[in-house]
Protein backbone atom coordinates (compact mmCIF):
# COMPACT_ATOMS: atom_id res chain seq x y z
CA MET A 1 50.84 135.81 -4.30
CA ASN A 2 53.59 135.02 -2.47
CA ILE A 3 51.74 134.10 0.44
CA ILE A 4 49.65 131.68 -1.66
CA ILE A 5 52.72 130.41 -3.10
CA ILE A 6 54.39 129.55 0.68
CA PHE A 7 51.24 128.20 2.38
CA ALA A 8 50.88 125.39 -1.39
CA TYR A 9 55.13 124.86 -1.13
CA LEU A 10 54.35 123.85 2.90
CA ILE A 11 51.18 121.64 2.24
CA ASN A 12 53.12 119.81 -0.60
CA PHE A 13 56.14 119.50 1.85
CA ALA A 14 54.35 118.16 4.34
CA LEU A 15 52.78 115.33 1.73
CA LEU A 16 56.29 114.72 0.73
CA LEU A 17 57.71 113.81 3.75
CA LEU A 18 54.49 111.88 4.81
CA ASN A 19 55.03 109.74 1.47
CA TYR A 20 58.90 109.45 1.79
CA ILE A 21 58.96 108.10 5.50
CA HIS A 22 56.34 105.67 4.53
CA MET A 23 58.94 104.20 1.96
CA PHE A 24 61.71 104.28 4.59
CA GLN A 25 58.94 102.25 6.97
CA LEU A 26 58.42 99.95 3.89
CA ASN A 27 62.63 99.61 3.64
CA TYR A 28 62.74 98.41 7.35
CA TYR A 29 64.39 101.73 7.95
CA LYS A 30 67.65 100.77 5.85
CA THR A 31 69.71 104.05 4.46
CA ASP A 32 71.07 100.89 1.90
CA MET A 33 67.58 100.28 0.99
CA HIS A 34 65.98 103.23 1.03
CA LEU A 35 68.77 104.55 -1.52
CA HIS A 36 68.13 101.65 -3.78
CA TRP A 37 64.20 102.66 -3.90
CA CYS A 38 64.82 106.13 -4.23
CA LYS A 39 67.75 104.41 -7.25
CA THR A 40 64.51 102.58 -8.90
CA ASN A 41 61.95 105.48 -9.20
CA LEU A 42 64.19 108.28 -9.52
CA GLN A 43 61.35 108.86 -12.16
CA LYS A 44 59.53 109.36 -10.05
CA ILE A 45 61.34 111.40 -7.68
CA THR A 46 62.90 113.29 -10.59
CA LEU A 47 59.26 114.91 -11.51
CA ARG A 48 58.52 115.43 -8.12
CA LEU A 49 61.91 117.58 -7.80
CA ILE A 50 60.55 119.69 -11.45
CA LEU A 51 57.42 120.41 -9.40
CA ALA A 52 59.08 121.82 -6.97
CA ILE A 53 61.38 123.90 -8.65
CA ALA A 54 59.09 124.86 -11.48
CA PRO A 55 56.98 126.87 -9.61
CA LEU A 56 60.19 129.18 -8.83
CA LEU A 57 58.80 130.99 -11.99
CA ALA A 58 56.69 132.81 -9.41
CA LEU A 59 59.96 134.38 -9.15
CA THR A 60 59.59 136.31 -11.80
CA GLY A 61 57.03 138.20 -10.11
CA ASN A 62 54.89 137.56 -14.37
CA LEU A 63 51.46 136.89 -13.20
CA ALA A 64 51.13 134.13 -15.70
CA LEU A 65 54.41 132.18 -13.95
CA GLN A 66 52.73 132.83 -10.72
CA ILE A 67 49.92 131.29 -11.87
CA LEU A 68 51.24 128.93 -13.45
CA SER A 69 53.96 128.34 -9.87
CA ILE A 70 49.78 128.11 -8.60
CA PHE A 71 49.24 125.26 -10.32
CA LEU A 72 52.06 123.20 -10.56
CA LEU A 73 52.39 123.13 -6.58
CA ILE A 74 47.74 121.99 -6.96
CA CYS A 75 49.07 119.66 -9.08
CA SER A 76 52.11 117.74 -6.62
CA ILE A 77 50.00 118.21 -4.06
CA ALA A 78 47.07 115.97 -5.70
CA VAL A 79 49.59 113.41 -6.76
CA LEU A 80 51.27 113.37 -2.90
CA ILE A 81 47.53 112.83 -0.86
CA PRO A 82 47.64 110.09 0.30
CA LYS A 83 46.02 107.06 -1.03
CA SER A 84 45.04 104.11 0.44
CA SER A 85 48.04 101.53 0.84
CA LYS A 86 48.28 97.77 0.62
CA ILE A 87 50.22 97.93 3.84
CA PRO A 88 49.32 101.76 5.68
CA LEU A 89 52.31 103.83 7.52
CA LYS A 90 52.20 102.55 10.83
CA ILE A 91 52.12 105.73 13.29
CA THR A 92 55.25 104.24 15.11
CA GLY A 93 57.85 105.68 18.07
CA ARG A 94 60.35 105.54 15.68
CA VAL A 95 58.63 107.09 13.02
CA LEU A 96 57.23 110.32 14.84
CA ARG A 97 60.56 110.63 16.35
CA ILE A 98 62.42 110.89 12.69
CA VAL A 99 59.38 112.87 11.76
CA GLY A 100 59.87 115.28 14.69
CA VAL A 101 63.48 115.54 13.73
CA GLU A 102 62.80 117.02 9.46
CA ILE A 103 60.71 118.97 10.87
CA ILE A 104 63.33 120.54 13.53
CA LEU A 105 65.23 121.10 10.69
CA SER A 106 63.50 122.26 8.44
CA ILE A 107 62.26 125.18 11.09
CA LEU A 108 66.33 125.93 11.53
CA ALA A 109 66.43 126.06 7.81
CA LEU A 110 63.59 128.42 7.42
CA ALA A 111 63.94 130.67 10.45
CA ILE A 112 66.58 132.77 9.86
CA LYS A 113 65.30 136.15 8.92
CA THR A 114 64.85 136.33 5.40
CA SER A 115 62.67 137.61 2.19
CA GLU A 116 59.82 135.83 0.80
CA THR A 117 61.46 135.35 -1.88
CA GLN A 118 64.46 133.22 -0.40
CA PHE A 119 62.28 131.57 2.01
CA ILE A 120 60.82 130.26 -0.92
CA ILE A 121 64.21 129.66 -2.68
CA ARG A 122 64.89 127.28 0.73
CA LEU A 123 60.82 125.65 0.41
CA ALA A 124 61.79 124.79 -2.81
CA ILE A 125 65.26 123.24 -1.79
CA LEU A 126 63.62 121.42 1.20
CA CYS A 127 60.73 120.05 -1.13
CA GLY A 128 63.78 118.66 -3.53
CA ILE A 129 66.23 116.85 -0.49
CA ALA A 130 63.23 115.89 1.39
CA PRO A 131 63.38 111.86 0.82
CA LEU A 132 66.98 112.26 1.89
CA LEU A 133 65.86 114.19 4.95
CA CYS A 134 64.80 111.01 6.47
CA LEU A 135 67.88 109.51 6.41
CA VAL A 136 69.70 112.68 7.84
CA ALA A 137 66.64 112.55 10.68
CA ASN A 138 67.83 108.76 11.50
CA PHE A 139 71.37 108.77 11.40
CA LEU A 140 70.78 111.97 13.35
CA LEU A 141 68.85 109.80 15.91
CA THR A 142 70.63 106.45 15.90
CA PRO A 143 72.27 105.98 19.98
CA ILE A 144 68.54 107.11 20.45
CA GLU A 145 67.53 104.17 18.61
CA TRP A 146 70.11 101.61 19.95
CA PHE A 147 69.40 102.62 23.66
CA GLY A 148 66.32 102.29 23.70
CA ARG A 149 66.03 99.11 21.40
CA LYS A 150 68.74 97.26 23.66
CA ARG A 151 66.64 98.23 26.85
CA TYR A 152 63.43 97.60 25.11
CA ILE A 153 65.10 93.99 24.27
CA ASP A 154 66.22 93.49 27.49
CA GLY A 155 63.35 93.96 28.82
CA ALA A 156 61.78 91.00 27.20
CA LYS A 157 64.52 88.80 28.34
CA LYS A 158 63.90 89.57 31.76
CA ILE A 159 60.45 88.57 31.81
CA LEU A 160 61.36 85.39 29.49
CA ALA A 161 64.04 84.20 32.12
CA GLU A 162 61.52 84.27 34.71
CA GLN A 163 60.01 81.42 33.64
CA SER A 164 61.63 78.40 33.66
CA ASN A 165 58.83 75.79 32.18
CA LEU A 166 58.37 77.14 30.02
CA THR A 167 59.48 75.22 26.11
CA VAL A 168 60.72 77.82 23.55
CA ILE A 169 60.24 76.33 19.87
CA GLY A 170 61.82 78.42 17.16
CA ILE A 171 61.25 78.56 13.24
CA THR A 172 62.77 79.72 10.51
CA GLY A 173 63.10 79.17 6.88
CA SER A 174 62.64 80.63 4.02
CA TYR A 175 58.91 80.33 3.63
CA GLY A 176 56.63 78.18 5.30
CA LYS A 177 57.55 79.02 8.84
CA THR A 178 53.97 81.41 8.84
CA SER A 179 52.21 77.82 7.82
CA MET A 180 54.78 75.95 10.13
CA LYS A 181 54.13 78.29 13.20
CA ASN A 182 49.70 78.25 12.29
CA PHE A 183 50.00 73.83 12.43
CA LEU A 184 51.89 73.26 15.54
CA GLY A 185 49.65 75.69 17.74
CA GLU A 186 46.97 73.66 16.93
CA LEU A 187 48.51 70.70 17.07
CA LEU A 188 50.43 71.19 20.58
CA SER A 189 47.05 73.73 21.86
CA GLU A 190 45.52 69.99 22.18
CA LYS A 191 47.54 69.49 25.05
CA TYR A 192 49.56 72.85 26.69
CA ASN A 193 48.64 76.19 26.42
CA VAL A 194 50.79 77.55 23.38
CA LEU A 195 51.92 81.31 22.67
CA VAL A 196 52.35 82.15 19.26
CA THR A 197 54.03 84.94 17.97
CA PRO A 198 51.11 86.45 16.13
CA LYS A 199 50.84 88.30 12.86
CA ASN A 200 54.15 89.18 11.27
CA TYR A 201 55.70 89.34 14.64
CA ASN A 202 59.02 87.81 13.47
CA THR A 203 61.90 90.09 13.84
CA GLN A 204 63.70 90.35 16.92
CA LEU A 205 61.16 93.59 18.24
CA GLY A 206 58.34 91.66 17.24
CA ILE A 207 59.53 88.47 19.33
CA ALA A 208 60.78 90.90 22.26
CA ARG A 209 57.07 92.56 21.51
CA THR A 210 55.43 89.50 21.95
CA ILE A 211 56.78 88.35 24.88
CA ARG A 212 56.11 91.45 26.48
CA GLU A 213 52.48 92.25 25.29
CA TYR A 214 52.01 88.48 25.09
CA LEU A 215 53.46 85.74 27.21
CA LYS A 216 51.63 85.15 30.41
CA PRO A 217 53.03 82.59 33.20
CA THR A 218 50.15 80.16 32.46
CA HIS A 219 51.58 79.33 28.83
CA ASP A 220 53.39 76.35 28.94
CA ILE A 221 54.93 76.74 24.60
CA PHE A 222 56.13 79.31 23.59
CA ILE A 223 56.30 78.97 19.24
CA CYS A 224 58.64 81.79 18.08
CA GLU A 225 58.42 83.08 13.95
CA MET A 226 62.12 83.97 13.13
CA GLY A 227 62.62 85.93 10.08
CA ALA A 228 65.21 87.05 8.81
CA MET A 229 67.00 89.96 5.91
CA TRP A 230 69.99 90.27 6.32
CA GLU A 231 72.82 87.33 8.07
CA GLY A 232 73.16 87.44 11.66
CA GLU A 233 69.54 87.83 12.88
CA ILE A 234 68.78 84.90 13.59
CA THR A 235 71.56 84.04 15.92
CA GLU A 236 69.43 87.70 17.49
CA CYS A 237 66.14 86.05 17.00
CA CYS A 238 67.41 82.91 19.47
CA ASP A 239 69.63 85.25 21.92
CA ILE A 240 66.18 86.73 22.70
CA ALA A 241 63.97 83.91 22.32
CA GLN A 242 66.23 81.20 23.37
CA PRO A 243 65.18 77.86 21.38
CA SER A 244 65.50 74.88 23.21
CA ILE A 245 63.66 72.95 19.72
CA GLY A 246 64.24 74.28 16.70
CA ILE A 247 62.65 73.36 12.56
CA ILE A 248 64.24 75.02 10.00
CA THR A 249 60.91 74.31 7.50
CA ALA A 250 63.09 75.41 4.00
CA ILE A 251 65.09 77.56 2.56
CA GLY A 252 65.71 78.98 -1.39
CA PRO A 253 66.14 81.92 -2.83
CA GLN A 254 64.36 85.17 -1.59
CA HIS A 255 65.35 88.21 -0.15
CA LEU A 256 68.20 88.24 -2.11
CA GLN A 257 68.57 92.88 -2.56
CA THR A 258 69.75 91.77 1.00
CA PHE A 259 71.29 88.39 1.20
CA GLY A 260 73.52 88.53 -2.50
CA ASN A 261 73.12 84.52 -2.79
CA VAL A 262 71.86 81.27 -1.89
CA GLU A 263 74.95 79.95 0.54
CA THR A 264 74.54 83.16 2.54
CA ILE A 265 70.47 82.08 3.49
CA ILE A 266 71.51 79.25 4.17
CA ARG A 267 74.43 80.09 6.47
CA THR A 268 71.57 82.33 8.42
CA LYS A 269 69.06 79.59 8.62
CA PHE A 270 71.36 76.93 10.31
CA GLU A 271 71.82 80.39 12.34
CA LEU A 272 69.58 78.43 14.72
CA ALA A 273 70.16 75.24 14.42
CA ASP A 274 73.73 76.29 16.05
CA ALA A 275 71.78 77.65 19.25
CA ILE A 276 69.68 74.24 19.61
CA GLU A 277 73.05 73.13 20.13
CA LYS A 278 73.98 74.80 22.25
CA VAL A 279 71.36 73.77 25.02
CA ASP A 280 71.25 70.63 23.30
CA GLY A 281 68.30 70.96 22.44
CA GLN A 282 65.76 69.12 19.29
CA LEU A 283 66.38 69.90 15.95
CA PHE A 284 63.86 68.86 12.37
CA LEU A 285 65.10 69.92 9.58
CA ASN A 286 62.48 69.53 6.14
CA TYR A 287 65.08 66.60 4.13
CA ASP A 288 62.52 67.48 1.21
CA ASN A 289 64.70 70.57 0.87
CA LYS A 290 67.42 70.06 -1.24
CA TYR A 291 69.76 73.02 0.69
CA ILE A 292 68.70 71.62 3.71
CA ALA A 293 69.61 67.62 2.99
CA LYS A 294 72.90 68.76 1.14
CA HIS A 295 73.75 71.14 4.25
CA ASN A 296 76.33 69.25 6.63
CA CYS A 297 74.39 70.33 9.77
CA ARG A 298 76.74 69.09 12.35
CA VAL A 299 73.65 69.36 15.13
CA LYS A 300 71.90 65.46 15.92
CA HIS A 301 68.44 66.91 14.05
CA GLN A 302 65.54 64.75 12.56
CA SER A 303 64.63 65.06 8.94
CA TYR A 304 61.19 65.43 8.04
CA GLY A 305 59.07 64.97 4.71
CA LEU A 306 57.77 63.20 2.31
CA LYS A 307 60.44 60.23 1.19
CA LYS A 308 60.59 57.09 2.70
CA ASP A 309 63.79 57.12 4.67
CA PHE A 310 62.94 59.83 6.79
CA ASP A 311 62.81 60.00 10.37
CA PHE A 312 59.11 61.33 9.99
CA TYR A 313 57.86 60.79 6.55
CA SER A 314 54.41 60.93 4.93
CA ASP A 315 52.92 59.40 2.35
CA GLU A 316 49.94 58.41 0.66
CA LEU A 317 48.83 61.57 -1.16
CA LYS A 318 45.23 62.48 -2.30
CA SER A 319 44.13 65.46 -3.47
CA ASN A 320 40.93 67.30 -4.77
CA GLN A 321 39.69 70.76 -4.66
CA ASP A 322 37.79 70.02 -1.00
CA GLY A 323 41.71 69.47 0.20
CA GLN A 324 43.89 66.33 0.72
CA SER A 325 43.99 62.56 2.97
CA PHE A 326 47.66 61.44 3.94
CA VAL A 327 49.33 59.02 6.06
CA PHE A 328 51.60 60.11 8.58
CA HIS A 329 54.51 57.91 9.44
CA TYR A 330 56.82 57.46 12.89
CA GLY A 331 59.12 54.85 13.33
CA LYS A 332 56.51 51.66 12.95
CA LYS A 333 53.46 53.47 13.91
CA THR A 334 50.79 55.92 11.26
CA ILE A 335 48.53 57.63 11.66
CA GLU A 336 46.05 58.56 8.70
CA ALA A 337 44.46 62.07 8.44
CA GLN A 338 42.57 64.49 6.62
CA THR A 339 43.36 68.19 5.68
CA LYS A 340 40.77 71.08 3.73
CA LEU A 341 44.21 72.65 3.40
CA LEU A 342 46.10 72.45 -0.46
CA GLY A 343 49.66 71.62 -2.12
CA GLU A 344 51.57 69.08 -1.77
CA HIS A 345 53.59 71.40 0.18
CA ASN A 346 51.51 71.83 3.19
CA ILE A 347 51.33 68.59 3.99
CA GLU A 348 55.48 69.13 4.66
CA ASN A 349 55.01 71.09 6.88
CA LEU A 350 51.82 69.41 8.55
CA THR A 351 54.48 66.12 8.46
CA GLY A 352 57.05 68.73 9.95
CA ALA A 353 54.62 70.02 13.15
CA ILE A 354 53.32 65.94 13.75
CA ALA A 355 56.73 64.65 13.89
CA VAL A 356 57.16 67.97 16.44
CA ALA A 357 54.10 67.27 18.79
CA LYS A 358 54.10 63.59 18.90
CA SER A 359 57.78 64.50 20.56
CA LEU A 360 56.07 66.34 22.84
CA GLY A 361 53.47 63.49 23.71
CA ILE A 362 49.72 65.38 21.50
CA SER A 363 47.99 61.86 21.19
CA ASP A 364 46.66 60.38 17.71
CA LYS A 365 43.05 61.12 18.01
CA ASP A 366 43.97 64.94 18.74
CA ILE A 367 46.12 64.96 16.13
CA ARG A 368 43.93 63.84 13.61
CA PHE A 369 41.11 66.53 15.00
CA ALA A 370 43.40 68.78 14.79
CA ILE A 371 44.56 68.64 11.40
CA ARG A 372 40.90 68.41 10.05
CA ARG A 373 39.87 71.75 11.84
CA ILE A 374 43.30 73.66 10.43
CA ARG A 375 42.48 76.36 8.10
CA SER A 376 44.91 78.08 5.44
CA VAL A 377 46.89 81.03 6.54
CA PRO A 378 45.55 84.24 5.00
CA HIS A 379 47.01 85.27 1.35
CA ARG A 380 48.79 81.89 1.53
CA LEU A 381 46.57 78.75 -0.96
CA GLU A 382 43.31 80.43 0.84
CA LEU A 383 40.70 78.88 -1.41
CA THR A 384 37.27 81.00 -1.58
CA THR A 385 34.28 80.11 -3.82
CA LYS A 386 31.57 81.78 -4.68
CA GLY A 387 29.21 79.82 -7.14
CA ASN A 388 30.89 78.93 -10.96
CA LEU A 389 34.18 81.11 -9.66
CA SER A 390 36.91 79.49 -6.92
CA ILE A 391 40.21 82.22 -5.91
CA ILE A 392 43.77 80.55 -5.17
CA ASP A 393 44.55 83.78 -3.06
CA ASP A 394 48.40 83.28 -2.78
CA SER A 395 49.34 87.14 -2.40
CA TYR A 396 51.91 87.15 0.03
CA ASN A 397 55.31 88.10 -0.71
CA SER A 398 55.85 84.71 -2.80
CA ASN A 399 58.93 83.95 -3.84
CA PRO A 400 60.36 80.90 -6.79
CA VAL A 401 59.70 77.89 -5.56
CA SER A 402 56.44 78.72 -3.32
CA SER A 403 55.48 80.47 -6.52
CA LYS A 404 55.83 77.61 -9.01
CA LEU A 405 54.58 74.71 -5.73
CA ALA A 406 51.04 77.51 -6.28
CA VAL A 407 50.58 77.31 -10.34
CA ASP A 408 51.17 73.29 -9.57
CA THR A 409 47.86 73.47 -7.46
CA LEU A 410 46.51 75.20 -10.04
CA ALA A 411 46.96 72.89 -12.52
CA LYS A 412 45.22 70.59 -10.45
CA PHE A 413 41.90 72.42 -10.70
CA GLU A 414 38.76 71.49 -13.45
CA GLY A 415 37.95 74.09 -15.74
CA ILE A 416 39.67 77.39 -16.84
CA ASN A 417 42.60 78.22 -14.40
CA ILE A 418 44.30 81.36 -14.32
CA VAL A 419 47.33 83.01 -13.34
CA VAL A 420 47.28 86.91 -11.87
CA THR A 421 50.92 87.96 -10.90
CA PRO A 422 52.86 91.24 -10.83
CA GLY A 423 56.04 88.62 -10.59
CA LEU A 424 58.61 88.40 -8.04
CA ILE A 425 60.56 90.88 -6.21
CA GLU A 426 63.61 91.34 -4.01
CA LEU A 427 65.61 88.80 -6.08
CA GLY A 428 68.15 90.88 -6.45
CA ALA A 429 70.95 90.69 -9.56
CA GLU A 430 68.83 86.93 -10.49
CA GLU A 431 64.74 88.95 -10.53
CA GLU A 432 65.10 88.32 -14.26
CA LYS A 433 66.27 84.96 -14.32
CA TYR A 434 63.75 83.16 -11.93
CA ASN A 435 60.45 85.47 -13.17
CA GLN A 436 61.49 83.88 -16.65
CA GLU A 437 61.58 80.69 -14.95
CA LEU A 438 58.55 81.30 -13.44
CA GLY A 439 56.93 81.85 -16.86
CA VAL A 440 58.18 79.09 -18.40
CA HIS A 441 56.95 77.08 -15.42
CA ILE A 442 53.19 78.36 -15.90
CA ALA A 443 53.74 77.83 -19.81
CA LYS A 444 54.84 74.04 -19.42
CA LYS A 445 51.90 73.46 -16.85
CA LYS A 446 49.41 75.19 -19.52
CA CYS A 447 47.35 77.19 -17.48
CA ASP A 448 45.00 78.59 -19.86
CA TYR A 449 45.11 82.25 -19.31
CA VAL A 450 48.45 84.77 -17.19
CA TYR A 451 47.40 88.71 -16.41
CA LEU A 452 50.96 90.57 -15.17
CA VAL A 453 49.54 93.17 -12.95
CA GLY A 454 51.39 96.30 -13.98
CA SER A 455 54.64 97.48 -16.26
CA SER A 456 57.73 96.73 -14.97
CA THR A 457 61.07 94.05 -15.71
CA GLN A 458 59.27 91.32 -13.41
CA THR A 459 56.03 91.04 -15.65
CA ASP A 460 58.18 91.24 -19.14
CA ALA A 461 60.49 88.62 -17.74
CA LEU A 462 57.22 86.72 -17.20
CA GLU A 463 55.91 87.20 -20.30
CA ALA A 464 60.02 86.40 -22.18
CA GLY A 465 59.43 83.17 -20.59
CA LEU A 466 55.72 82.38 -21.38
CA ILE A 467 56.58 83.42 -24.80
CA SER A 468 59.86 81.09 -24.76
CA GLU A 469 57.75 78.24 -24.38
CA ASN A 470 55.39 79.14 -27.03
CA TYR A 471 52.59 80.67 -24.39
CA PRO A 472 50.07 81.75 -27.12
CA ASP A 473 50.16 86.06 -27.00
CA ASN A 474 46.32 86.07 -26.75
CA LYS A 475 46.17 84.44 -23.08
CA ILE A 476 48.34 87.05 -22.01
CA GLN A 477 46.73 90.40 -21.07
CA HIS A 478 48.26 93.42 -18.82
CA VAL A 479 45.95 94.36 -15.98
CA ALA A 480 46.38 97.41 -13.92
CA SER A 481 45.97 95.24 -10.42
CA PRO A 482 44.60 91.65 -9.60
CA GLN A 483 40.76 93.35 -8.77
CA GLU A 484 40.70 94.13 -12.96
CA ALA A 485 41.77 90.82 -13.52
CA VAL A 486 39.23 89.24 -11.20
CA ALA A 487 36.54 91.28 -12.71
CA PHE A 488 37.68 91.02 -16.11
CA ALA A 489 37.54 86.81 -15.76
CA THR A 490 34.46 86.95 -14.23
CA LYS A 491 32.64 89.07 -17.02
CA LYS A 492 33.76 87.06 -19.19
CA TYR A 493 32.94 83.05 -18.38
CA PRO A 494 30.01 84.49 -16.62
CA SER A 495 29.07 80.29 -16.80
CA GLU A 496 31.59 78.22 -16.74
CA LYS A 497 34.16 76.76 -14.60
CA VAL A 498 36.59 79.38 -13.50
CA THR A 499 39.73 79.09 -10.95
CA ILE A 500 42.34 82.54 -10.20
CA LEU A 501 45.63 81.57 -8.89
CA LEU A 502 46.54 85.61 -7.25
CA LEU A 503 50.50 85.05 -7.08
CA ASN A 504 52.34 87.42 -4.58
CA ASP A 505 51.29 91.06 -4.27
CA LEU A 506 53.26 94.39 -4.55
CA PRO A 507 54.30 96.72 -1.45
CA ASP A 508 53.86 100.37 -1.79
CA ASN A 509 57.09 100.90 -2.71
CA TYR A 510 57.19 98.48 -5.70
């Protein structure tokens, strides 16, 4: 019987290691974030701990307790068996190294000659401390990771230095940077051979990887998206990419869990301006954003947005469910353009992209043609329509500003409008406040129904915001998943025109 229990324990332990390394990866391999996750998910971790310790009842020798112990271990294994993930575990070199060290530490703990009883106790202890094993392994690997990272980044810098005629454009912001990257890439491709950082390669290692794997001597322009969750990270990105043109798309309260406050976010984003100043380059700033407009930027720059007193601006916006038209102004000249993109903020981004494109010699004709061709970035106000049902997919981790803009876009659609959301995350101590404000905004825009995904502090705050504006209780529904909300709405309104906004989607560590 002990052999069966040992075997079940080993499977349980292996699955725990797999689960916790996945969470550690989603927490960016950061000790403080992983410990915060452990604290937030203490109930789940405690349950797993109980399931790990309870089978020690088998050591009493009582057959009934031994059977119960095996049953508990089977339950634990069933809970831990990997299911479909929104962001699956990526089997990277770092993951393999951490798991390798975890296995070595576990073997050392179990290898000491001992009785079966003591062996089972040690297995139970290992299962109990599994959430922290990845932290210990990561700490032991720190020198190796630092050296490997430095070597990898230095290699990218060397490759970049060999291309003296390459123009590098750095893009950062709390939001809008991915859209700006893609829009600008489309516009500049009319004349140049352009490389754009793919997917979400917006960290130091992502930029280095792009350079090492994708950059060719034939490229004229490298558009580099730069993301950050901690102060100093944009400086590190610039140290690798060496941009001569910079764009700051927008600043707002995002990732407050790591930044702490908006002032730190502003300093971090303007690290790009400091890098541009060192090479006497060009800086483009979105002055529609209050944080950018109010910031005392010492660096020579040009402004863009939707107001006439900016260096580059767009006006005469007209929108419908098929897209928007607008007029772009530069100097005394204009460009009349049409796009399939939704949302006023996308016109802001297009205005900035056109401003940079004009500075690099793209003709008005090519700009008009490219703008017609541009499509939504996946999961960012991406519209799909099937019969009477339209879905606006804005599920990529929303922030307080862009989430309200998405609701504004939904409000322009005819028929029944439904918001589906689990709320906003990574906002630290301000999380409840911003979720409540989002609920108020949804109510004021008179959206017909709100489907709250899951049950959490985020959805509680959202619901409080809705109710504070006298939003009807019977129009607030709780669902387990966005898919359930879409299925429910489709069934309820089979012949009516319905538009559903999928607002934010929580990663697996929430």
